[in-house]
Amino acid sequence: MSSILIIAILFTSAFASGVSVFFVRRDNTNALKLILAFSGAYLFSITVLHLIPHVYHTHSSHNETIGLFVLLGFLFQLGMEQFSHGIEHGHIHHSQKAGGIFPLGIMLSLCLHALLEGMPLASGHQGALTFGIALHHVPAAFALGSLLLNTSLHKRHIIALLAVFALMTPLGYLISSAIAAGDIGHIERYFDRMMAVVIGIFLHISTTILFESGSADHHKFNRKKMIAVVLGVAASLLNFLFDSHGH
């Protein structure tokens, strides 16, 4: 997959989903919940099937230290959610509405989150990851757009902020590609550790989505959610089988 196509898919998915808040009803969340369940299952499966084996395979020194960086990424995402309030999971609660005030902490944490999401794309499996990240951006960008609509910002400023958010993941991809190629100093030697941190972030995001994307009672069986999860896992398995066969 070409770099231009990857950037176009990532930017378009986030930006179009964000600006769609101007045209669609925001009180019907059933479809978004199913997209969340599918994307959470897909992202989790891609992380387990592709990213984790890859980072252990390419790690140049003691493999047991990689787990420490995965754990660091998991805890880092846990900390970031104190500022983003889980909007990267596609959730907006009534208590989180900005009430006319620009949510600077939420915007910064979401942009950092989106930047880090683009980094694994430089390590291979670009088709599978691009699809998973783009799908994950649909509810996240929609939630961000909904939040910004509750501020005193003008429409053109909201669109500009959504464009900035949409650019973050392509920027993360370009930065990580430059790191992997050794074009940014000599930090490519730490690339596997950086990837391990992103894996920890992905594990936190995907598992949280799976827990939160159903009904209020998370222990209650939800048939539609289960179908979405099974389809997400099946899609990642198909990609894994075709990718392994191609190699």
Protein backbone atom coordinates (compact mmCIF):
# COMPACT_ATOMS: atom_id res chain seq x y z
CA MET A 1 0.00 0.00 0.00
CA SER A 2 1.43 3.36 -1.00
CA SER A 3 2.11 6.10 1.53
CA ILE A 4 -0.23 8.50 -0.26
CA LEU A 5 -3.10 6.01 -0.05
CA ILE A 6 -2.45 5.33 3.64
CA ILE A 7 -2.42 9.05 4.44
CA ALA A 8 -5.56 9.65 2.38
CA ILE A 9 -7.50 6.84 4.09
CA LEU A 10 -6.46 7.88 7.59
CA PHE A 11 -7.17 11.57 7.08
CA THR A 12 -10.47 11.08 5.26
CA SER A 13 -11.90 8.61 7.78
CA ALA A 14 -11.24 10.92 10.73
CA PHE A 15 -12.14 14.21 9.06
CA ALA A 16 -15.31 12.98 7.35
CA SER A 17 -16.52 11.32 10.56
CA GLY A 18 -15.85 14.49 12.53
CA VAL A 19 -17.66 16.90 10.20
CA SER A 20 -20.58 14.48 9.85
CA VAL A 21 -21.88 15.84 13.19
CA PHE A 22 -23.17 18.83 11.22
CA PHE A 23 -25.42 16.63 9.09
CA VAL A 24 -26.58 13.63 11.14
CA ARG A 25 -28.46 13.09 14.38
CA ARG A 26 -26.25 12.65 17.41
CA ASP A 27 -28.75 10.94 19.69
CA ASN A 28 -28.75 7.60 17.85
CA THR A 29 -25.68 5.75 19.08
CA ASN A 30 -26.61 2.14 18.28
CA ALA A 31 -24.73 2.09 14.97
CA LEU A 32 -21.67 3.70 16.56
CA LYS A 33 -21.69 1.09 19.33
CA LEU A 34 -21.59 -1.72 16.77
CA ILE A 35 -18.76 0.02 14.88
CA LEU A 36 -16.94 0.34 18.20
CA ALA A 37 -17.37 -3.35 19.00
CA PHE A 38 -16.16 -4.38 15.54
CA SER A 39 -13.17 -2.01 15.57
CA GLY A 40 -12.23 -2.94 19.13
CA ALA A 41 -12.20 -6.66 18.31
CA TYR A 42 -10.34 -6.04 15.05
CA LEU A 43 -7.72 -3.79 16.68
CA PHE A 44 -7.17 -6.24 19.54
CA SER A 45 -6.78 -9.17 17.15
CA ILE A 46 -4.37 -7.28 14.87
CA THR A 47 -2.29 -6.34 17.92
CA VAL A 48 -2.11 -9.96 19.12
CA LEU A 49 -1.63 -11.57 15.71
CA HIS A 50 0.69 -9.06 14.05
CA LEU A 51 2.21 -6.37 16.28
CA ILE A 52 3.22 -8.38 19.34
CA PRO A 53 4.97 -11.21 17.40
CA HIS A 54 6.65 -8.63 15.15
CA VAL A 55 8.10 -6.55 17.98
CA TYR A 56 9.42 -9.63 19.80
CA HIS A 57 10.92 -10.94 16.57
CA THR A 58 12.73 -7.70 15.75
CA HIS A 59 13.84 -6.81 19.29
CA SER A 60 17.63 -6.90 19.25
CA SER A 61 18.39 -7.49 22.93
CA HIS A 62 16.65 -9.22 25.83
CA ASN A 63 13.08 -9.96 24.78
CA GLU A 64 11.77 -9.98 28.34
CA THR A 65 12.28 -6.21 28.59
CA ILE A 66 9.78 -5.60 25.79
CA GLY A 67 6.96 -6.50 28.16
CA LEU A 68 7.96 -3.58 30.38
CA PHE A 69 7.41 -1.15 27.52
CA VAL A 70 4.08 -2.77 26.64
CA LEU A 71 3.03 -2.27 30.26
CA LEU A 72 4.30 1.32 30.12
CA GLY A 73 2.13 2.00 27.07
CA PHE A 74 -0.90 0.50 28.80
CA LEU A 75 -0.39 2.73 31.86
CA PHE A 76 0.38 5.74 29.67
CA GLN A 77 -2.99 5.39 27.91
CA LEU A 78 -4.66 5.00 31.30
CA GLY A 79 -3.14 8.33 32.31
CA MET A 80 -4.09 10.06 29.07
CA GLU A 81 -7.72 9.15 29.61
CA GLN A 82 -7.76 11.43 32.64
CA PHE A 83 -7.57 14.28 30.14
CA SER A 84 -9.45 12.82 27.16
CA HIS A 85 -12.28 11.29 29.25
CA GLY A 86 -12.42 8.28 26.92
CA ILE A 87 -13.43 10.16 23.78
CA GLU A 88 -10.93 8.05 21.80
CA HIS A 89 -13.35 5.19 22.58
CA GLY A 90 -16.17 7.12 20.94
CA HIS A 91 -17.89 7.98 24.24
CA ILE A 92 -19.32 11.29 25.37
CA HIS A 93 -21.17 11.46 28.65
CA HIS A 94 -23.42 14.35 29.54
CA SER A 95 -21.05 15.41 32.31
CA GLN A 96 -18.24 15.75 29.77
CA LYS A 97 -19.88 18.42 27.61
CA ALA A 98 -17.69 21.47 27.32
CA GLY A 99 -20.47 23.91 28.14
CA GLY A 100 -19.06 26.62 25.87
CA ILE A 101 -15.44 26.22 27.00
CA PHE A 102 -12.84 24.89 24.57
CA PRO A 103 -11.64 21.49 25.93
CA LEU A 104 -7.89 22.06 25.51
CA GLY A 105 -6.81 19.05 27.58
CA ILE A 106 -9.09 16.72 25.62
CA MET A 107 -7.90 18.07 22.28
CA LEU A 108 -4.21 17.75 23.16
CA SER A 109 -4.54 14.24 24.56
CA LEU A 110 -6.56 13.07 21.54
CA CYS A 111 -3.99 14.51 19.13
CA LEU A 112 -1.17 12.78 21.00
CA HIS A 113 -3.17 9.56 21.00
CA ALA A 114 -3.81 9.83 17.24
CA LEU A 115 -0.13 10.60 16.57
CA LEU A 116 0.97 7.45 18.40
CA GLU A 117 -1.64 5.36 16.59
CA GLY A 118 0.08 6.02 13.27
CA MET A 119 3.47 4.69 14.37
CA PRO A 120 2.87 0.92 13.87
CA LEU A 121 2.13 1.51 10.18
CA ALA A 122 5.86 1.76 9.48
CA SER A 123 6.49 -1.76 10.77
CA GLY A 124 4.49 -3.65 8.14
CA HIS A 125 0.96 -5.12 7.86
CA GLN A 126 -0.09 -1.69 6.57
CA GLY A 127 -3.32 -2.78 4.92
CA ALA A 128 -4.74 -4.43 8.04
CA LEU A 129 -3.64 -1.67 10.38
CA THR A 130 -4.78 1.16 8.15
CA PHE A 131 -8.26 -0.34 7.97
CA GLY A 132 -8.40 -0.93 11.72
CA ILE A 133 -7.19 2.54 12.69
CA ALA A 134 -9.43 4.25 10.14
CA LEU A 135 -12.44 2.36 11.45
CA HIS A 136 -11.50 3.22 15.03
CA HIS A 137 -11.40 6.91 14.07
CA VAL A 138 -15.04 6.94 12.96
CA PRO A 139 -16.64 6.99 16.45
CA ALA A 140 -13.69 8.87 18.00
CA ALA A 141 -13.85 11.75 15.51
CA PHE A 142 -17.64 11.83 15.71
CA ALA A 143 -17.44 12.11 19.49
CA LEU A 144 -14.86 14.89 19.24
CA GLY A 145 -17.02 16.77 16.73
CA SER A 146 -20.03 16.41 19.01
CA LEU A 147 -18.04 17.78 21.94
CA LEU A 148 -16.76 20.77 19.94
CA LEU A 149 -20.31 21.61 18.85
CA ASN A 150 -21.13 22.21 22.51
CA THR A 151 -18.51 24.96 22.75
CA SER A 152 -18.74 28.59 21.64
CA LEU A 153 -16.42 27.93 18.68
CA HIS A 154 -17.45 29.02 15.21
CA LYS A 155 -18.18 26.29 12.67
CA ARG A 156 -15.04 27.03 10.63
CA HIS A 157 -12.89 26.75 13.77
CA ILE A 158 -14.45 23.39 14.61
CA ILE A 159 -13.71 22.15 11.09
CA ALA A 160 -10.10 23.38 11.41
CA LEU A 161 -9.64 21.54 14.71
CA LEU A 162 -11.10 18.37 13.24
CA ALA A 163 -8.63 18.69 10.34
CA VAL A 164 -5.76 19.01 12.83
CA PHE A 165 -6.94 15.87 14.62
CA ALA A 166 -7.29 14.03 11.29
CA LEU A 167 -3.70 14.95 10.35
CA MET A 168 -2.18 13.51 13.53
CA THR A 169 -2.22 9.82 12.60
CA PRO A 170 -0.74 10.40 9.11
CA LEU A 171 1.92 12.54 10.80
CA GLY A 172 2.68 9.70 13.23
CA TYR A 173 3.05 7.34 10.29
CA LEU A 174 5.48 9.70 8.51
CA ILE A 175 7.54 10.24 11.68
CA SER A 176 7.78 6.52 12.43
CA SER A 177 8.72 5.80 8.79
CA ALA A 178 11.55 8.30 9.07
CA ILE A 179 12.67 6.74 12.35
CA ALA A 180 12.59 3.22 10.89
CA ALA A 181 14.66 4.40 7.93
CA GLY A 182 17.22 6.02 10.21
CA ASP A 183 16.51 9.51 8.90
CA ILE A 184 15.99 11.05 12.35
CA GLY A 185 19.28 10.92 14.23
CA HIS A 186 20.05 7.45 15.53
CA ILE A 187 16.85 6.76 17.42
CA GLU A 188 15.92 3.88 15.10
CA ARG A 189 17.68 1.60 17.62
CA TYR A 190 14.83 2.36 20.04
CA PHE A 191 12.07 1.81 17.49
CA ASP A 192 11.09 -1.62 18.83
CA ARG A 193 10.64 -0.15 22.32
CA MET A 194 8.53 2.67 20.91
CA MET A 195 6.44 0.11 19.10
CA ALA A 196 6.00 -1.84 22.34
CA VAL A 197 4.61 1.30 24.02
CA VAL A 198 2.12 1.73 21.17
CA ILE A 199 1.14 -1.95 21.53
CA GLY A 200 0.32 -1.31 25.19
CA ILE A 201 -1.80 1.67 24.14
CA PHE A 202 -3.63 -0.47 21.57
CA LEU A 203 -4.28 -3.20 24.13
CA HIS A 204 -5.82 -0.69 26.53
CA ILE A 205 -7.94 0.99 23.86
CA SER A 206 -9.24 -2.21 22.27
CA THR A 207 -10.12 -3.95 25.53
CA THR A 208 -11.80 -0.84 26.93
CA ILE A 209 -13.86 -0.52 23.74
CA LEU A 210 -14.96 -4.14 24.06
CA PHE A 211 -16.04 -3.59 27.66
CA GLU A 212 -17.82 -0.29 27.04
CA SER A 213 -19.42 -0.72 23.62
CA GLY A 214 -22.36 -2.80 24.81
CA SER A 215 -25.26 -2.08 27.10
CA ALA A 216 -25.02 -0.32 30.46
CA ASP A 217 -24.83 -3.72 32.09
CA HIS A 218 -21.56 -5.03 30.64
CA HIS A 219 -22.25 -8.56 31.88
CA LYS A 220 -25.53 -8.83 30.01
CA PHE A 221 -25.42 -10.81 26.77
CA ASN A 222 -25.73 -8.53 23.74
CA ARG A 223 -26.30 -10.51 20.54
CA LYS A 224 -25.57 -7.66 18.13
CA LYS A 225 -22.36 -6.79 19.95
CA MET A 226 -21.22 -10.42 19.90
CA ILE A 227 -21.84 -10.64 16.17
CA ALA A 228 -19.84 -7.43 15.64
CA VAL A 229 -16.98 -8.80 17.78
CA VAL A 230 -16.94 -12.15 15.96
CA LEU A 231 -16.88 -10.34 12.60
CA GLY A 232 -14.01 -8.14 13.78
CA VAL A 233 -11.97 -11.14 14.88
CA ALA A 234 -12.83 -13.01 11.67
CA ALA A 235 -11.69 -10.07 9.53
CA SER A 236 -8.35 -9.93 11.33
CA LEU A 237 -7.92 -13.72 11.02
CA LEU A 238 -8.57 -13.58 7.28
CA ASN A 239 -5.98 -10.85 6.95
CA PHE A 240 -3.55 -12.87 9.07
CA LEU A 241 -4.00 -16.00 6.94
CA PHE A 242 -3.61 -14.16 3.63
CA ASP A 243 -0.66 -12.16 4.93
CA SER A 244 1.10 -15.29 6.23
CA HIS A 245 0.44 -17.08 2.94
CA GLY A 246 1.88 -14.14 1.05
CA HIS A 247 5.06 -14.33 3.08
